[in-house]
Amino acid sequence: MNVVLYTPDFEPITVVDLPRWLLDTCEQRGFIKISVPQPTKSEPDMLVVKAKRIAWFDGSTKTFLTTEDEVLALALRPGWLPGQTQVVQTTERLIQKLHSKVIELMRKN
């Protein structure tokens, strides 16, 4: 499920795709830790994500996911909002085609 990660003062950081069971765990415990692999380190860093429940104007309670480590949150693989998906997929296909052409040209030379 695509969710937005926020700073503690509710500035949006990024959109990430997290499984529903992990979101449920975060709501139950109040926090989760997400492993973030780093290419320059042998061990991954751990991103702490907290569930903040806020009373909404209509009387309901909304849950927001926050983290204090903005830089590490940006290292997560981003999720895409529905309006962004088609553009991202088109770009990925174009990159794949260009990659194939470069490989083909390298093999010729």
PDB file of N, CA and C in Angstrom:
ATOM      1  N   MET A   1       0.849  -1.161   0.000  1.00  0.00           N
ATOM      2  CA  MET A   1       0.000   0.000   0.000  1.00  0.00           C
ATOM      3  C   MET A   1       0.903   1.235   0.000  1.00  0.00           C
ATOM      4  N   ASN A   2       0.637   2.162  -0.893  1.00  0.00           N
ATOM      5  CA  ASN A   2       1.422   3.389  -0.943  1.00  0.00           C
ATOM      6  C   ASN A   2       1.028   4.309   0.208  1.00  0.00           C
ATOM      7  N   VAL A   3       2.036   4.746   0.965  1.00  0.00           N
ATOM      8  CA  VAL A   3       1.811   5.664   2.073  1.00  0.00           C
ATOM      9  C   VAL A   3       2.847   6.787   1.999  1.00  0.00           C
ATOM     10  N   VAL A   4       2.503   7.911   2.596  1.00  0.00           N
ATOM     11  CA  VAL A   4       3.405   9.049   2.632  1.00  0.00           C
ATOM     12  C   VAL A   4       4.118   9.054   3.980  1.00  0.00           C
ATOM     13  N   LEU A   5       5.445   9.202   3.952  1.00  0.00           N
ATOM     14  CA  LEU A   5       6.212   9.385   5.186  1.00  0.00           C
ATOM     15  C   LEU A   5       6.392  10.878   5.411  1.00  0.00           C
ATOM     16  N   TYR A   6       6.173  11.303   6.642  1.00  0.00           N
ATOM     17  CA  TYR A   6       6.273  12.711   7.013  1.00  0.00           C
ATOM     18  C   TYR A   6       7.381  12.921   8.035  1.00  0.00           C
ATOM     19  N   THR A   7       7.861  14.165   8.126  1.00  0.00           N
ATOM     20  CA  THR A   7       8.742  14.557   9.220  1.00  0.00           C
ATOM     21  C   THR A   7       7.869  14.691  10.468  1.00  0.00           C
ATOM     22  N   PRO A   8       8.471  14.813  11.665  1.00  0.00           N
ATOM     23  CA  PRO A   8       7.658  14.976  12.868  1.00  0.00           C
ATOM     24  C   PRO A   8       6.759  16.226  12.847  1.00  0.00           C
ATOM     25  N   ASP A   9       7.124  17.234  12.045  1.00  0.00           N
ATOM     26  CA  ASP A   9       6.272  18.421  11.943  1.00  0.00           C
ATOM     27  C   ASP A   9       5.392  18.388  10.688  1.00  0.00           C
ATOM     28  N   PHE A  10       5.187  17.172  10.156  1.00  0.00           N
ATOM     29  CA  PHE A  10       4.249  16.868   9.082  1.00  0.00           C
ATOM     30  C   PHE A  10       4.588  17.494   7.725  1.00  0.00           C
ATOM     31  N   GLU A  11       5.864  17.576   7.421  1.00  0.00           N
ATOM     32  CA  GLU A  11       6.297  17.910   6.068  1.00  0.00           C
ATOM     33  C   GLU A  11       6.460  16.586   5.328  1.00  0.00           C
ATOM     34  N   PRO A  12       5.850  16.421   4.163  1.00  0.00           N
ATOM     35  CA  PRO A  12       5.982  15.145   3.443  1.00  0.00           C
ATOM     36  C   PRO A  12       7.424  14.914   2.970  1.00  0.00           C
ATOM     37  N   ILE A  13       7.884  13.677   3.116  1.00  0.00           N
ATOM     38  CA  ILE A  13       9.242  13.309   2.689  1.00  0.00           C
ATOM     39  C   ILE A  13       9.185  12.538   1.386  1.00  0.00           C
ATOM     40  N   THR A  14       8.473  11.405   1.401  1.00  0.00           N
ATOM     41  CA  THR A  14       8.424  10.534   0.225  1.00  0.00           C
ATOM     42  C   THR A  14       7.214   9.614   0.314  1.00  0.00           C
ATOM     43  N   VAL A  15       6.911   8.982  -0.795  1.00  0.00           N
ATOM     44  CA  VAL A  15       5.861   7.959  -0.850  1.00  0.00           C
ATOM     45  C   VAL A  15       6.562   6.612  -0.949  1.00  0.00           C
ATOM     46  N   VAL A  16       6.157   5.662  -0.101  1.00  0.00           N
ATOM     47  CA  VAL A  16       6.738   4.318  -0.144  1.00  0.00           C
ATOM     48  C   VAL A  16       5.624   3.280  -0.168  1.00  0.00           C
ATOM     49  N   ASP A  17       5.939   2.131  -0.726  1.00  0.00           N
ATOM     50  CA  ASP A  17       4.999   1.023  -0.792  1.00  0.00           C
ATOM     51  C   ASP A  17       5.315   0.057   0.337  1.00  0.00           C
ATOM     52  N   LEU A  18       4.423  -0.027   1.328  1.00  0.00           N
ATOM     53  CA  LEU A  18       4.614  -0.921   2.470  1.00  0.00           C
ATOM     54  C   LEU A  18       3.480  -1.938   2.499  1.00  0.00           C
ATOM     55  N   PRO A  19       3.797  -3.184   2.865  1.00  0.00           N
ATOM     56  CA  PRO A  19       2.734  -4.195   2.938  1.00  0.00           C
ATOM     57  C   PRO A  19       1.746  -3.869   4.064  1.00  0.00           C
ATOM     58  N   ARG A  20       0.508  -4.292   3.867  1.00  0.00           N
ATOM     59  CA  ARG A  20      -0.560  -3.997   4.829  1.00  0.00           C
ATOM     60  C   ARG A  20      -0.230  -4.535   6.225  1.00  0.00           C
ATOM     61  N   TRP A  21       0.368  -5.730   6.311  1.00  0.00           N
ATOM     62  CA  TRP A  21       0.674  -6.309   7.620  1.00  0.00           C
ATOM     63  C   TRP A  21       1.669  -5.435   8.383  1.00  0.00           C
ATOM     64  N   LEU A  22       2.594  -4.802   7.665  1.00  0.00           N
ATOM     65  CA  LEU A  22       3.570  -3.936   8.315  1.00  0.00           C
ATOM     66  C   LEU A  22       2.905  -2.658   8.823  1.00  0.00           C
ATOM     67  N   LEU A  23       1.967  -2.125   8.049  1.00  0.00           N
ATOM     68  CA  LEU A  23       1.220  -0.947   8.488  1.00  0.00           C
ATOM     69  C   LEU A  23       0.368  -1.270   9.714  1.00  0.00           C
ATOM     70  N   ASP A  24      -0.242  -2.459   9.724  1.00  0.00           N
ATOM     71  CA  ASP A  24      -1.030  -2.878  10.891  1.00  0.00           C
ATOM     72  C   ASP A  24      -0.147  -2.995  12.128  1.00  0.00           C
ATOM     73  N   THR A  25       1.046  -3.553  11.955  1.00  0.00           N
ATOM     74  CA  THR A  25       1.991  -3.674  13.064  1.00  0.00           C
ATOM     75  C   THR A  25       2.384  -2.302  13.591  1.00  0.00           C
ATOM     76  N   CYS A  26       2.607  -1.368  12.687  1.00  0.00           N
ATOM     77  CA  CYS A  26       2.977  -0.011  13.088  1.00  0.00           C
ATOM     78  C   CYS A  26       1.863   0.638  13.904  1.00  0.00           C
ATOM     79  N   GLU A  27       0.628   0.458  13.481  1.00  0.00           N
ATOM     80  CA  GLU A  27      -0.495   1.034  14.227  1.00  0.00           C
ATOM     81  C   GLU A  27      -0.648   0.375  15.598  1.00  0.00           C
ATOM     82  N   GLN A  28      -0.420  -0.941  15.685  1.00  0.00           N
ATOM     83  CA  GLN A  28      -0.571  -1.651  16.954  1.00  0.00           C
ATOM     84  C   GLN A  28       0.540  -1.291  17.939  1.00  0.00           C
ATOM     85  N   ARG A  29       1.789  -1.268  17.459  1.00  0.00           N
ATOM     86  CA  ARG A  29       2.936  -1.019  18.336  1.00  0.00           C
ATOM     87  C   ARG A  29       3.275   0.459  18.491  1.00  0.00           C
ATOM     88  N   GLY A  30       2.860   1.255  17.516  1.00  0.00           N
ATOM     89  CA  GLY A  30       3.191   2.672  17.535  1.00  0.00           C
ATOM     90  C   GLY A  30       4.435   3.007  16.731  1.00  0.00           C
ATOM     91  N   PHE A  31       5.177   1.975  16.313  1.00  0.00           N
ATOM     92  CA  PHE A  31       6.374   2.204  15.497  1.00  0.00           C
ATOM     93  C   PHE A  31       6.771   0.899  14.808  1.00  0.00           C
ATOM     94  N   ILE A  32       7.605   1.045  13.779  1.00  0.00           N
ATOM     95  CA  ILE A  32       8.247  -0.093  13.120  1.00  0.00           C
ATOM     96  C   ILE A  32       9.660   0.326  12.752  1.00  0.00           C
ATOM     97  N   LYS A  33      10.490  -0.652  12.459  1.00  0.00           N
ATOM     98  CA  LYS A  33      11.832  -0.390  11.944  1.00  0.00           C
ATOM     99  C   LYS A  33      11.919  -1.015  10.561  1.00  0.00           C
ATOM    100  N   ILE A  34      12.415  -0.226   9.605  1.00  0.00           N
ATOM    101  CA  ILE A  34      12.549  -0.695   8.228  1.00  0.00           C
ATOM    102  C   ILE A  34      14.030  -0.749   7.883  1.00  0.00           C
ATOM    103  N   SER A  35      14.456  -1.877   7.355  1.00  0.00           N
ATOM    104  CA  SER A  35      15.837  -2.049   6.935  1.00  0.00           C
ATOM    105  C   SER A  35      16.066  -1.293   5.623  1.00  0.00           C
ATOM    106  N   VAL A  36      17.108  -0.447   5.605  1.00  0.00           N
ATOM    107  CA  VAL A  36      17.449   0.325   4.410  1.00  0.00           C
ATOM    108  C   VAL A  36      18.873  -0.043   3.998  1.00  0.00           C
ATOM    109  N   PRO A  37      19.011  -0.878   2.964  1.00  0.00           N
ATOM    110  CA  PRO A  37      20.349  -1.270   2.518  1.00  0.00           C
ATOM    111  C   PRO A  37      21.141  -0.054   2.027  1.00  0.00           C
ATOM    112  N   GLN A  38      22.420  -0.010   2.387  1.00  0.00           N
ATOM    113  CA  GLN A  38      23.301   1.058   1.946  1.00  0.00           C
ATOM    114  C   GLN A  38      24.417   0.432   1.119  1.00  0.00           C
ATOM    115  N   PRO A  39      24.640   0.919  -0.110  1.00  0.00           N
ATOM    116  CA  PRO A  39      25.645   0.296  -0.978  1.00  0.00           C
ATOM    117  C   PRO A  39      27.073   0.396  -0.442  1.00  0.00           C
ATOM    118  N   THR A  40      27.344   1.366   0.418  1.00  0.00           N
ATOM    119  CA  THR A  40      28.711   1.546   0.927  1.00  0.00           C
ATOM    120  C   THR A  40      28.935   0.871   2.268  1.00  0.00           C
ATOM    121  N   LYS A  41      27.894   0.237   2.820  1.00  0.00           N
ATOM    122  CA  LYS A  41      28.020  -0.412   4.126  1.00  0.00           C
ATOM    123  C   LYS A  41      27.676  -1.886   4.007  1.00  0.00           C
ATOM    124  N   SER A  42      28.283  -2.695   4.873  1.00  0.00           N
ATOM    125  CA  SER A  42      27.984  -4.124   4.846  1.00  0.00           C
ATOM    126  C   SER A  42      26.657  -4.435   5.531  1.00  0.00           C
ATOM    127  N   GLU A  43      26.264  -3.615   6.499  1.00  0.00           N
ATOM    128  CA  GLU A  43      25.003  -3.835   7.196  1.00  0.00           C
ATOM    129  C   GLU A  43      24.032  -2.698   6.883  1.00  0.00           C
ATOM    130  N   PRO A  44      22.740  -3.025   6.767  1.00  0.00           N
ATOM    131  CA  PRO A  44      21.760  -1.983   6.456  1.00  0.00           C
ATOM    132  C   PRO A  44      21.500  -1.079   7.659  1.00  0.00           C
ATOM    133  N   ASP A  45      21.095   0.150   7.391  1.00  0.00           N
ATOM    134  CA  ASP A  45      20.649   1.055   8.443  1.00  0.00           C
ATOM    135  C   ASP A  45      19.185   0.765   8.732  1.00  0.00           C
ATOM    136  N   MET A  46      18.746   1.131   9.926  1.00  0.00           N
ATOM    137  CA  MET A  46      17.358   0.902  10.306  1.00  0.00           C
ATOM    138  C   MET A  46      16.637   2.246  10.419  1.00  0.00           C
ATOM    139  N   LEU A  47      15.540   2.370   9.696  1.00  0.00           N
ATOM    140  CA  LEU A  47      14.720   3.572   9.718  1.00  0.00           C
ATOM    141  C   LEU A  47      13.561   3.334  10.677  1.00  0.00           C
ATOM    142  N   VAL A  48      13.434   4.187  11.681  1.00  0.00           N
ATOM    143  CA  VAL A  48      12.334   4.079  12.636  1.00  0.00           C
ATOM    144  C   VAL A  48      11.172   4.925  12.121  1.00  0.00           C
ATOM    145  N   VAL A  49      10.025   4.278  11.955  1.00  0.00           N
ATOM    146  CA  VAL A  49       8.811   4.951  11.497  1.00  0.00           C
ATOM    147  C   VAL A  49       7.784   4.866  12.616  1.00  0.00           C
ATOM    148  N   LYS A  50       7.247   6.015  12.997  1.00  0.00           N
ATOM    149  CA  LYS A  50       6.264   6.075  14.088  1.00  0.00           C
ATOM    150  C   LYS A  50       4.879   6.356  13.538  1.00  0.00           C
ATOM    151  N   ALA A  51       3.875   5.751  14.172  1.00  0.00           N
ATOM    152  CA  ALA A  51       2.478   6.001  13.825  1.00  0.00           C
ATOM    153  C   ALA A  51       1.945   7.078  14.764  1.00  0.00           C
ATOM    154  N   LYS A  52       1.520   8.191  14.198  1.00  0.00           N
ATOM    155  CA  LYS A  52       0.941   9.289  14.982  1.00  0.00           C
ATOM    156  C   LYS A  52      -0.556   9.343  14.690  1.00  0.00           C
ATOM    157  N   ARG A  53      -1.355   9.199  15.724  1.00  0.00           N
ATOM    158  CA  ARG A  53      -2.809   9.264  15.563  1.00  0.00           C
ATOM    159  C   ARG A  53      -3.275  10.675  15.897  1.00  0.00           C
ATOM    160  N   ILE A  54      -4.070  11.219  14.998  1.00  0.00           N
ATOM    161  CA  ILE A  54      -4.531  12.600  15.159  1.00  0.00           C
ATOM    162  C   ILE A  54      -6.044  12.633  15.004  1.00  0.00           C
ATOM    163  N   ALA A  55      -6.700  13.356  15.912  1.00  0.00           N
ATOM    164  CA  ALA A  55      -8.147  13.532  15.802  1.00  0.00           C
ATOM    165  C   ALA A  55      -8.425  14.479  14.637  1.00  0.00           C
ATOM    166  N   TRP A  56      -9.255  14.033  13.716  1.00  0.00           N
ATOM    167  CA  TRP A  56      -9.573  14.796  12.511  1.00  0.00           C
ATOM    168  C   TRP A  56     -10.798  15.668  12.757  1.00  0.00           C
ATOM    169  N   PHE A  57     -11.004  16.645  11.922  1.00  0.00           N
ATOM    170  CA  PHE A  57     -12.095  17.603  12.111  1.00  0.00           C
ATOM    171  C   PHE A  57     -13.482  16.963  12.070  1.00  0.00           C
ATOM    172  N   ASP A  58     -13.620  15.817  11.422  1.00  0.00           N
ATOM    173  CA  ASP A  58     -14.933  15.155  11.331  1.00  0.00           C
ATOM    174  C   ASP A  58     -15.174  14.170  12.476  1.00  0.00           C
ATOM    175  N   GLY A  59     -14.263  14.156  13.452  1.00  0.00           N
ATOM    176  CA  GLY A  59     -14.416  13.283  14.603  1.00  0.00           C
ATOM    177  C   GLY A  59     -13.695  11.953  14.473  1.00  0.00           C
ATOM    178  N   SER A  60     -13.207  11.634  13.293  1.00  0.00           N
ATOM    179  CA  SER A  60     -12.477  10.381  13.100  1.00  0.00           C
ATOM    180  C   SER A  60     -11.017  10.550  13.536  1.00  0.00           C
ATOM    181  N   THR A  61     -10.308   9.434  13.574  1.00  0.00           N
ATOM    182  CA  THR A  61      -8.891   9.452  13.908  1.00  0.00           C
ATOM    183  C   THR A  61      -8.098   9.020  12.689  1.00  0.00           C
ATOM    184  N   LYS A  62      -7.117   9.810  12.314  1.00  0.00           N
ATOM    185  CA  LYS A  62      -6.261   9.499  11.166  1.00  0.00           C
ATOM    186  C   LYS A  62      -4.871   9.125  11.677  1.00  0.00           C
ATOM    187  N   THR A  63      -4.231   8.186  10.995  1.00  0.00           N
ATOM    188  CA  THR A  63      -2.879   7.778  11.346  1.00  0.00           C
ATOM    189  C   THR A  63      -1.907   8.314  10.303  1.00  0.00           C
ATOM    190  N   PHE A  64      -0.862   9.004  10.764  1.00  0.00           N
ATOM    191  CA  PHE A  64       0.201   9.507   9.909  1.00  0.00           C
ATOM    192  C   PHE A  64       1.493   8.809  10.283  1.00  0.00           C
ATOM    193  N   LEU A  65       2.307   8.489   9.293  1.00  0.00           N
ATOM    194  CA  LEU A  65       3.595   7.841   9.540  1.00  0.00           C
ATOM    195  C   LEU A  65       4.690   8.891   9.485  1.00  0.00           C
ATOM    196  N   THR A  66       5.457   8.976  10.571  1.00  0.00           N
ATOM    197  CA  THR A  66       6.520   9.979  10.648  1.00  0.00           C
ATOM    198  C   THR A  66       7.861   9.321  10.916  1.00  0.00           C
ATOM    199  N   THR A  67       8.923  10.026  10.530  1.00  0.00           N
ATOM    200  CA  THR A  67      10.279   9.582  10.838  1.00  0.00           C
ATOM    201  C   THR A  67      11.143  10.813  11.043  1.00  0.00           C
ATOM    202  N   GLU A  68      12.149  10.679  11.879  1.00  0.00           N
ATOM    203  CA  GLU A  68      13.055  11.795  12.135  1.00  0.00           C
ATOM    204  C   GLU A  68      14.248  11.793  11.188  1.00  0.00           C
ATOM    205  N   ASP A  69      14.490  10.682  10.496  1.00  0.00           N
ATOM    206  CA  ASP A  69      15.645  10.573   9.608  1.00  0.00           C
ATOM    207  C   ASP A  69      15.210  10.755   8.152  1.00  0.00           C
ATOM    208  N   GLU A  70      15.135  12.012   7.723  1.00  0.00           N
ATOM    209  CA  GLU A  70      14.673  12.330   6.369  1.00  0.00           C
ATOM    210  C   GLU A  70      15.601  11.763   5.297  1.00  0.00           C
ATOM    211  N   VAL A  71      16.901  11.846   5.533  1.00  0.00           N
ATOM    212  CA  VAL A  71      17.877  11.387   4.540  1.00  0.00           C
ATOM    213  C   VAL A  71      17.754   9.881   4.324  1.00  0.00           C
ATOM    214  N   LEU A  72      17.639   9.138   5.394  1.00  0.00           N
ATOM    215  CA  LEU A  72      17.505   7.679   5.270  1.00  0.00           C
ATOM    216  C   LEU A  72      16.162   7.320   4.619  1.00  0.00           C
ATOM    217  N   ALA A  73      15.115   8.074   4.929  1.00  0.00           N
ATOM    218  CA  ALA A  73      13.802   7.820   4.322  1.00  0.00           C
ATOM    219  C   ALA A  73      13.861   8.015   2.809  1.00  0.00           C
ATOM    220  N   LEU A  74      14.650   8.967   2.351  1.00  0.00           N
ATOM    221  CA  LEU A  74      14.777   9.214   0.918  1.00  0.00           C
ATOM    222  C   LEU A  74      15.560   8.105   0.205  1.00  0.00           C
ATOM    223  N   ALA A  75      16.282   7.276   0.971  1.00  0.00           N
ATOM    224  CA  ALA A  75      17.027   6.162   0.385  1.00  0.00           C
ATOM    225  C   ALA A  75      16.125   4.953   0.107  1.00  0.00           C
ATOM    226  N   LEU A  76      14.892   4.972   0.622  1.00  0.00           N
ATOM    227  CA  LEU A  76      13.951   3.888   0.346  1.00  0.00           C
ATOM    228  C   LEU A  76      13.521   3.935  -1.113  1.00  0.00           C
ATOM    229  N   ARG A  77      13.167   2.780  -1.651  1.00  0.00           N
ATOM    230  CA  ARG A  77      12.640   2.745  -3.020  1.00  0.00           C
ATOM    231  C   ARG A  77      11.279   3.448  -3.002  1.00  0.00           C
ATOM    232  N   PRO A  78      11.119   4.472  -3.824  1.00  0.00           N
ATOM    233  CA  PRO A  78       9.862   5.229  -3.765  1.00  0.00           C
ATOM    234  C   PRO A  78       8.687   4.458  -4.358  1.00  0.00           C
ATOM    235  N   GLY A  79       7.542   4.697  -3.781  1.00  0.00           N
ATOM    236  CA  GLY A  79       6.291   4.217  -4.353  1.00  0.00           C
ATOM    237  C   GLY A  79       5.752   5.337  -5.226  1.00  0.00           C
ATOM    238  N   TRP A  80       4.798   5.053  -6.052  1.00  0.00           N
ATOM    239  CA  TRP A  80       4.283   6.080  -6.951  1.00  0.00           C
ATOM    240  C   TRP A  80       2.789   6.226  -6.747  1.00  0.00           C
ATOM    241  N   LEU A  81       2.340   7.455  -6.782  1.00  0.00           N
ATOM    242  CA  LEU A  81       0.916   7.728  -6.684  1.00  0.00           C
ATOM    243  C   LEU A  81       0.253   7.335  -8.003  1.00  0.00           C
ATOM    244  N   PRO A  82      -1.045   7.031  -7.987  1.00  0.00           N
ATOM    245  CA  PRO A  82      -1.708   6.563  -9.205  1.00  0.00           C
ATOM    246  C   PRO A  82      -1.489   7.465 -10.427  1.00  0.00           C
ATOM    247  N   GLY A  83      -1.475   8.748 -10.271  1.00  0.00           N
ATOM    248  CA  GLY A  83      -1.274   9.653 -11.397  1.00  0.00           C
ATOM    249  C   GLY A  83       0.146   9.653 -11.937  1.00  0.00           C
ATOM    250  N   GLN A  84       1.092   9.126 -11.164  1.00  0.00           N
ATOM    251  CA  GLN A  84       2.491   9.101 -11.575  1.00  0.00           C
ATOM    252  C   GLN A  84       2.896   7.778 -12.220  1.00  0.00           C
ATOM    253  N   THR A  85       2.140   6.737 -12.008  1.00  0.00           N
ATOM    254  CA  THR A  85       2.527   5.386 -12.404  1.00  0.00           C
ATOM    255  C   THR A  85       2.796   5.258 -13.901  1.00  0.00           C
ATOM    256  N   GLN A  86       1.907   5.773 -14.743  1.00  0.00           N
ATOM    257  CA  GLN A  86       2.072   5.619 -16.186  1.00  0.00           C
ATOM    258  C   GLN A  86       3.344   6.311 -16.676  1.00  0.00           C
ATOM    259  N   VAL A  87       3.613   7.509 -16.177  1.00  0.00           N
ATOM    260  CA  VAL A  87       4.810   8.247 -16.587  1.00  0.00           C
ATOM    261  C   VAL A  87       6.070   7.498 -16.156  1.00  0.00           C
ATOM    262  N   VAL A  88       6.075   6.976 -14.950  1.00  0.00           N
ATOM    263  CA  VAL A  88       7.238   6.242 -14.445  1.00  0.00           C
ATOM    264  C   VAL A  88       7.462   4.975 -15.274  1.00  0.00           C
ATOM    265  N   GLN A  89       6.408   4.239 -15.561  1.00  0.00           N
ATOM    266  CA  GLN A  89       6.542   3.012 -16.355  1.00  0.00           C
ATOM    267  C   GLN A  89       7.042   3.322 -17.764  1.00  0.00           C
ATOM    268  N   THR A  90       6.551   4.401 -18.368  1.00  0.00           N
ATOM    269  CA  THR A  90       7.020   4.798 -19.695  1.00  0.00           C
ATOM    270  C   THR A  90       8.504   5.142 -19.653  1.00  0.00           C
ATOM    271  N   THR A  91       8.914   5.869 -18.644  1.00  0.00           N
ATOM    272  CA  THR A  91      10.325   6.240 -18.496  1.00  0.00           C
ATOM    273  C   THR A  91      11.190   5.002 -18.296  1.00  0.00           C
ATOM    274  N   GLU A  92      10.737   4.064 -17.465  1.00  0.00           N
ATOM    275  CA  GLU A  92      11.502   2.837 -17.233  1.00  0.00           C
ATOM    276  C   GLU A  92      11.651   2.025 -18.518  1.00  0.00           C
ATOM    277  N   ARG A  93      10.594   1.946 -19.328  1.00  0.00           N
ATOM    278  CA  ARG A  93      10.681   1.224 -20.603  1.00  0.00           C
ATOM    279  C   ARG A  93      11.671   1.903 -21.552  1.00  0.00           C
ATOM    280  N   LEU A  94      11.654   3.229 -21.583  1.00  0.00           N
ATOM    281  CA  LEU A  94      12.582   3.978 -22.430  1.00  0.00           C
ATOM    282  C   LEU A  94      14.031   3.743 -21.995  1.00  0.00           C
ATOM    283  N   ILE A  95      14.259   3.754 -20.708  1.00  0.00           N
ATOM    284  CA  ILE A  95      15.609   3.500 -20.189  1.00  0.00           C
ATOM    285  C   ILE A  95      16.062   2.093 -20.558  1.00  0.00           C
ATOM    286  N   GLN A  96      15.164   1.118 -20.455  1.00  0.00           N
ATOM    287  CA  GLN A  96      15.506  -0.260 -20.822  1.00  0.00           C
ATOM    288  C   GLN A  96      15.864  -0.362 -22.300  1.00  0.00           C
ATOM    289  N   LYS A  97      15.107   0.318 -23.157  1.00  0.00           N
ATOM    290  CA  LYS A  97      15.409   0.303 -24.600  1.00  0.00           C
ATOM    291  C   LYS A  97      16.763   0.943 -24.873  1.00  0.00           C
ATOM    292  N   LEU A  98      17.027   2.072 -24.232  1.00  0.00           N
ATOM    293  CA  LEU A  98      18.322   2.736 -24.417  1.00  0.00           C
ATOM    294  C   LEU A  98      19.465   1.855 -23.936  1.00  0.00           C
ATOM    295  N   HIS A  99      19.256   1.184 -22.829  1.00  0.00           N
ATOM    296  CA  HIS A  99      20.260   0.271 -22.291  1.00  0.00           C
ATOM    297  C   HIS A  99      20.561  -0.842 -23.295  1.00  0.00           C
ATOM    298  N   SER A 100      19.511  -1.409 -23.864  1.00  0.00           N
ATOM    299  CA  SER A 100      19.684  -2.475 -24.854  1.00  0.00           C
ATOM    300  C   SER A 100      20.446  -1.980 -26.085  1.00  0.00           C
ATOM    301  N   LYS A 101      20.139  -0.784 -26.535  1.00  0.00           N
ATOM    302  CA  LYS A 101      20.826  -0.209 -27.708  1.00  0.00           C
ATOM    303  C   LYS A 101      22.302   0.030 -27.403  1.00  0.00           C
ATOM    304  N   VAL A 102      22.600   0.531 -26.216  1.00  0.00           N
ATOM    305  CA  VAL A 102      24.002   0.768 -25.848  1.00  0.00           C
ATOM    306  C   VAL A 102      24.771  -0.554 -25.827  1.00  0.00           C
ATOM    307  N   ILE A 103      24.195  -1.581 -25.238  1.00  0.00           N
ATOM    308  CA  ILE A 103      24.824  -2.910 -25.195  1.00  0.00           C
ATOM    309  C   ILE A 103      25.051  -3.418 -26.623  1.00  0.00           C
ATOM    310  N   GLU A 104      24.043  -3.272 -27.467  1.00  0.00           N
ATOM    311  CA  GLU A 104      24.144  -3.721 -28.857  1.00  0.00           C
ATOM    312  C   GLU A 104      25.270  -2.992 -29.592  1.00  0.00           C
ATOM    313  N   LEU A 105      25.372  -1.686 -29.385  1.00  0.00           N
ATOM    314  CA  LEU A 105      26.427  -0.909 -30.033  1.00  0.00           C
ATOM    315  C   LEU A 105      27.811  -1.281 -29.497  1.00  0.00           C
ATOM    316  N   MET A 106      27.900  -1.562 -28.216  1.00  0.00           N
ATOM    317  CA  MET A 106      29.182  -1.963 -27.629  1.00  0.00           C
ATOM    318  C   MET A 106      29.642  -3.312 -28.186  1.00  0.00           C
ATOM    319  N   ARG A 107      28.706  -4.208 -28.419  1.00  0.00           N
ATOM    320  CA  ARG A 107      29.067  -5.527 -28.952  1.00  0.00           C
ATOM    321  C   ARG A 107      29.532  -5.434 -30.404  1.00  0.00           C
ATOM    322  N   LYS A 108      29.020  -4.465 -31.154  1.00  0.00           N
ATOM    323  CA  LYS A 108      29.424  -4.283 -32.534  1.00  0.00           C
ATOM    324  C   LYS A 108      30.860  -3.768 -32.622  1.00  0.00           C
ATOM    325  N   ASN A 109      31.255  -2.972 -31.647  1.00  0.00           N
ATOM    326  CA  ASN A 109      32.611  -2.379 -31.684  1.00  0.00           C
ATOM    327  C   ASN A 109      33.536  -3.245 -30.944  1.00  0.00           C
TER     328      ASN A 109
END
